[in-house]
Amino acid sequence: MKRVTIAILFFSIALQAYTQTEAKQDSARKWRVGAFVNNGFEVEISYEPEFIFSGGIKADYNIFRRFAIQTGIEYFRRKYNMEYVPSSPTNMQITDFSYFTFRDTYNYIELPLSIKFYILKKNNKIQPYFATGLINQFAFYNSNDIYYDTNKVYLYDRQYKGMLYYLNWVFAGGIDIRCNDRLFVDIGYVAKNDFYGFYYIGIATGVKYAF
């Protein structure tokens, strides 16, 4: 019995020392950097995009025990294809067409800056978090609007190209799953709005490396 007690005592001491070592290593590793992809949908708009793709690089920098600054760069693509029939031409101040179609493509470069809060200690295997902050949006758009008369006969089209910049908000949450002392899997959600006031909700997954 005495030997069992001594063995348990030595095991407890070794486990505590290992846990403290892991905690020190976590505090010493300030950065977690990795790649991610994001799939989602828009809400509170009258149509859905035909194609959405999002992906990029995230970087977390530890500033306090449970706080980190999160930044990175994201490529975000939207493509729309829609027919629109105005209920009354006078409402749009245009009287020379009955309906039109538009094919719009938006290529975004987004630069977020957020504060990330870890709910549990960072040396846990499962690390839930939430983050909120601002996002810089650079949108490069290519729009082609085609106008028709009442018999669906082509009248004319208009093409637009350009770049827009806006500063909007972003909110995220999820969990970091520790695979080993340096490798993490990040699974979470992200919610943000764009310069048109549309709201986007998506599921983000990625892999990060700590150093």
Protein backbone atom coordinates (compact mmCIF):
# COMPACT_ATOMS: atom_id res chain seq x y z
CA MET A 1 0.00 0.00 0.00
CA LYS A 2 2.85 2.32 0.86
CA ARG A 3 4.43 1.74 -2.55
CA VAL A 4 1.17 2.52 -4.32
CA THR A 5 0.84 5.76 -2.36
CA ILE A 6 4.41 6.77 -3.25
CA ALA A 7 3.80 5.91 -6.93
CA ILE A 8 0.63 8.03 -7.01
CA LEU A 9 2.48 10.90 -5.34
CA PHE A 10 5.31 10.79 -7.88
CA PHE A 11 2.79 10.61 -10.75
CA SER A 12 0.91 13.65 -9.41
CA ILE A 13 4.14 15.63 -9.09
CA ALA A 14 5.20 14.66 -12.64
CA LEU A 15 1.80 15.56 -14.05
CA GLN A 16 1.80 18.93 -12.31
CA ALA A 17 5.30 19.68 -13.58
CA TYR A 18 4.30 18.71 -17.12
CA THR A 19 1.19 20.92 -16.95
CA GLN A 20 3.23 23.88 -15.70
CA THR A 21 5.77 23.31 -18.48
CA GLU A 22 2.99 23.26 -21.09
CA ALA A 23 1.51 26.47 -19.64
CA LYS A 24 4.91 28.18 -19.76
CA GLN A 25 5.41 27.05 -23.35
CA ASP A 26 1.97 28.35 -24.30
CA SER A 27 2.69 31.73 -22.71
CA ALA A 28 6.06 31.87 -24.44
CA ARG A 29 4.53 31.18 -27.88
CA LYS A 30 2.99 34.51 -28.75
CA TRP A 31 1.87 33.70 -32.31
CA ARG A 32 -0.66 31.31 -33.86
CA VAL A 33 -0.69 31.59 -37.65
CA GLY A 34 -2.52 29.47 -40.21
CA ALA A 35 -4.84 29.18 -43.20
CA PHE A 36 -8.63 28.86 -43.26
CA VAL A 37 -11.63 28.53 -45.58
CA ASN A 38 -15.08 29.98 -45.02
CA ASN A 39 -18.46 28.86 -46.41
CA GLY A 40 -21.66 30.71 -45.63
CA PHE A 41 -24.71 32.62 -46.76
CA GLU A 42 -26.18 36.10 -46.72
CA VAL A 43 -29.31 37.16 -44.85
CA GLU A 44 -31.75 40.06 -45.04
CA ILE A 45 -31.50 40.49 -48.79
CA SER A 46 -33.96 39.63 -51.57
CA TYR A 47 -31.62 37.33 -53.50
CA GLU A 48 -28.78 34.95 -52.83
CA PRO A 49 -25.40 35.02 -54.54
CA GLU A 50 -24.78 32.45 -57.23
CA PHE A 51 -21.29 31.70 -56.00
CA ILE A 52 -19.40 32.45 -52.77
CA PHE A 53 -15.82 31.59 -51.89
CA SER A 54 -13.77 32.83 -48.99
CA GLY A 55 -10.36 31.94 -47.64
CA GLY A 56 -7.18 33.43 -46.30
CA ILE A 57 -4.62 33.60 -43.51
CA LYS A 58 -5.21 34.33 -39.82
CA ALA A 59 -2.69 35.46 -37.23
CA ASP A 60 -3.30 35.59 -33.48
CA TYR A 61 -0.87 37.46 -31.24
CA ASN A 62 -1.12 36.81 -27.51
CA ILE A 63 -1.16 40.02 -25.46
CA PHE A 64 -2.52 38.78 -22.10
CA ARG A 65 -3.30 35.40 -20.56
CA ARG A 66 -6.71 35.09 -22.25
CA PHE A 67 -6.61 37.91 -24.78
CA ALA A 68 -5.10 38.05 -28.25
CA ILE A 69 -5.10 40.41 -31.21
CA GLN A 70 -6.38 38.72 -34.36
CA THR A 71 -5.60 39.94 -37.86
CA GLY A 72 -4.88 38.51 -41.28
CA ILE A 73 -5.92 38.78 -44.91
CA GLU A 74 -8.93 37.22 -46.63
CA TYR A 75 -10.04 36.82 -50.23
CA PHE A 76 -13.82 36.90 -50.58
CA ARG A 77 -15.64 36.37 -53.89
CA ARG A 78 -19.31 36.90 -54.70
CA LYS A 79 -21.07 36.39 -58.01
CA TYR A 80 -24.70 37.36 -58.73
CA ASN A 81 -26.99 36.62 -61.67
CA MET A 82 -30.55 37.93 -61.38
CA GLU A 83 -33.57 39.22 -63.28
CA TYR A 84 -35.42 42.18 -61.87
CA VAL A 85 -38.89 43.45 -62.83
CA PRO A 86 -39.75 46.84 -61.34
CA SER A 87 -43.30 47.07 -60.02
CA SER A 88 -43.66 50.51 -61.53
CA PRO A 89 -41.15 52.21 -63.84
CA THR A 90 -41.93 55.58 -62.30
CA ASN A 91 -40.70 54.33 -58.93
CA MET A 92 -37.23 53.97 -60.44
CA GLN A 93 -37.39 57.19 -62.42
CA ILE A 94 -36.72 55.12 -65.57
CA THR A 95 -39.38 54.59 -68.23
CA ASP A 96 -37.54 53.11 -71.22
CA PHE A 97 -37.40 49.46 -70.10
CA SER A 98 -39.64 46.80 -68.56
CA TYR A 99 -37.07 44.64 -66.80
CA PHE A 100 -33.34 44.01 -66.65
CA THR A 101 -30.84 41.36 -65.69
CA PHE A 102 -27.59 41.95 -63.93
CA ARG A 103 -24.48 39.85 -63.63
CA ASP A 104 -22.20 41.17 -60.92
CA THR A 105 -18.88 39.86 -59.66
CA TYR A 106 -17.23 41.21 -56.51
CA ASN A 107 -13.69 40.31 -55.48
CA TYR A 108 -12.96 41.45 -51.93
CA ILE A 109 -9.67 41.83 -50.13
CA GLU A 110 -10.45 42.07 -46.42
CA LEU A 111 -8.12 43.05 -43.58
CA PRO A 112 -9.70 42.40 -40.17
CA LEU A 113 -8.46 43.58 -36.78
CA SER A 114 -10.16 42.03 -33.75
CA ILE A 115 -9.77 41.36 -30.05
CA LYS A 116 -9.99 37.64 -29.24
CA PHE A 117 -10.97 36.35 -25.80
CA TYR A 118 -10.35 32.75 -24.67
CA ILE A 119 -13.02 31.54 -22.26
CA LEU A 120 -10.81 28.81 -20.75
CA LYS A 121 -7.09 28.68 -20.09
CA LYS A 122 -4.94 28.35 -23.19
CA ASN A 123 -3.27 25.13 -22.00
CA ASN A 124 -6.60 23.25 -22.30
CA LYS A 125 -7.07 20.87 -25.20
CA ILE A 126 -10.39 22.53 -26.13
CA GLN A 127 -10.19 26.34 -26.13
CA PRO A 128 -13.50 28.13 -26.82
CA TYR A 129 -13.27 31.79 -27.78
CA PHE A 130 -15.10 34.76 -29.20
CA ALA A 131 -13.76 37.79 -31.07
CA THR A 132 -15.05 41.11 -32.30
CA GLY A 133 -13.56 44.05 -34.15
CA LEU A 134 -13.40 45.96 -37.42
CA ILE A 135 -12.77 44.82 -40.97
CA ASN A 136 -11.27 46.83 -43.85
CA GLN A 137 -13.03 45.89 -47.10
CA PHE A 138 -11.61 46.58 -50.56
CA ALA A 139 -14.17 45.49 -53.17
CA PHE A 140 -13.22 45.25 -56.85
CA TYR A 141 -16.46 44.93 -58.82
CA ASN A 142 -17.43 44.16 -62.40
CA SER A 143 -21.12 44.70 -63.21
CA ASN A 144 -23.02 44.11 -66.45
CA ASP A 145 -26.69 45.26 -66.50
CA ILE A 146 -28.82 44.35 -69.55
CA TYR A 147 -32.13 46.14 -70.19
CA TYR A 148 -35.15 44.81 -72.16
CA ASP A 149 -38.53 46.14 -73.28
CA THR A 150 -41.94 44.58 -72.59
CA ASN A 151 -41.40 41.95 -75.31
CA LYS A 152 -38.02 40.99 -73.84
CA VAL A 153 -36.22 42.59 -76.75
CA TYR A 154 -32.74 43.80 -75.95
CA LEU A 155 -32.46 47.58 -75.56
CA TYR A 156 -29.01 48.34 -74.19
CA ASP A 157 -26.57 47.36 -71.49
CA ARG A 158 -24.35 49.14 -69.01
CA GLN A 159 -21.04 47.98 -67.63
CA TYR A 160 -19.38 49.20 -64.48
CA LYS A 161 -15.94 48.53 -63.04
CA GLY A 162 -14.28 50.00 -60.03
CA MET A 163 -13.16 49.68 -56.44
CA LEU A 164 -14.95 50.50 -53.18
CA TYR A 165 -13.59 50.77 -49.64
CA TYR A 166 -15.55 50.56 -46.42
CA LEU A 167 -14.88 49.92 -42.75
CA ASN A 168 -17.35 47.51 -41.16
CA TRP A 169 -17.72 45.24 -38.15
CA VAL A 170 -17.01 41.54 -37.70
CA PHE A 171 -17.97 39.12 -34.91
CA ALA A 172 -16.71 35.55 -34.54
CA GLY A 173 -16.67 32.63 -32.15
CA GLY A 174 -15.55 29.02 -32.04
CA ILE A 175 -13.01 26.63 -30.57
CA ASP A 176 -9.29 26.03 -30.98
CA ILE A 177 -8.56 22.30 -30.69
CA ARG A 178 -5.04 21.40 -29.61
CA CYS A 179 -3.56 18.55 -31.68
CA ASN A 180 -0.12 18.81 -30.07
CA ASP A 181 1.92 21.55 -28.40
CA ARG A 182 2.16 23.56 -31.64
CA LEU A 183 -0.63 22.49 -34.01
CA PHE A 184 -4.26 23.66 -33.61
CA VAL A 185 -7.48 23.14 -35.54
CA ASP A 186 -9.82 26.16 -35.54
CA ILE A 187 -13.57 25.63 -36.05
CA GLY A 188 -15.98 28.52 -35.68
CA TYR A 189 -18.40 30.97 -37.20
CA VAL A 190 -18.09 34.52 -38.47
CA ALA A 191 -20.70 37.24 -38.92
CA LYS A 192 -20.07 40.51 -40.74
CA ASN A 193 -21.74 43.14 -42.88
CA ASP A 194 -20.55 44.76 -46.10
CA PHE A 195 -20.81 48.22 -47.63
CA TYR A 196 -24.34 47.55 -48.94
CA GLY A 197 -25.56 46.66 -45.46
CA PHE A 198 -25.91 42.95 -46.27
CA TYR A 199 -25.18 40.50 -43.48
CA TYR A 200 -22.99 37.45 -43.94
CA ILE A 201 -22.84 34.38 -41.66
CA GLY A 202 -20.36 31.61 -42.34
CA ILE A 203 -18.62 28.56 -40.91
CA ALA A 204 -14.83 28.85 -40.88
CA THR A 205 -12.36 25.97 -40.50
CA GLY A 206 -8.59 26.17 -40.47
CA VAL A 207 -5.26 24.96 -39.15
CA LYS A 208 -2.85 27.09 -37.10
CA TYR A 209 0.76 26.71 -35.97
CA ALA A 210 2.03 28.20 -32.71
CA PHE A 211 5.49 29.68 -32.26
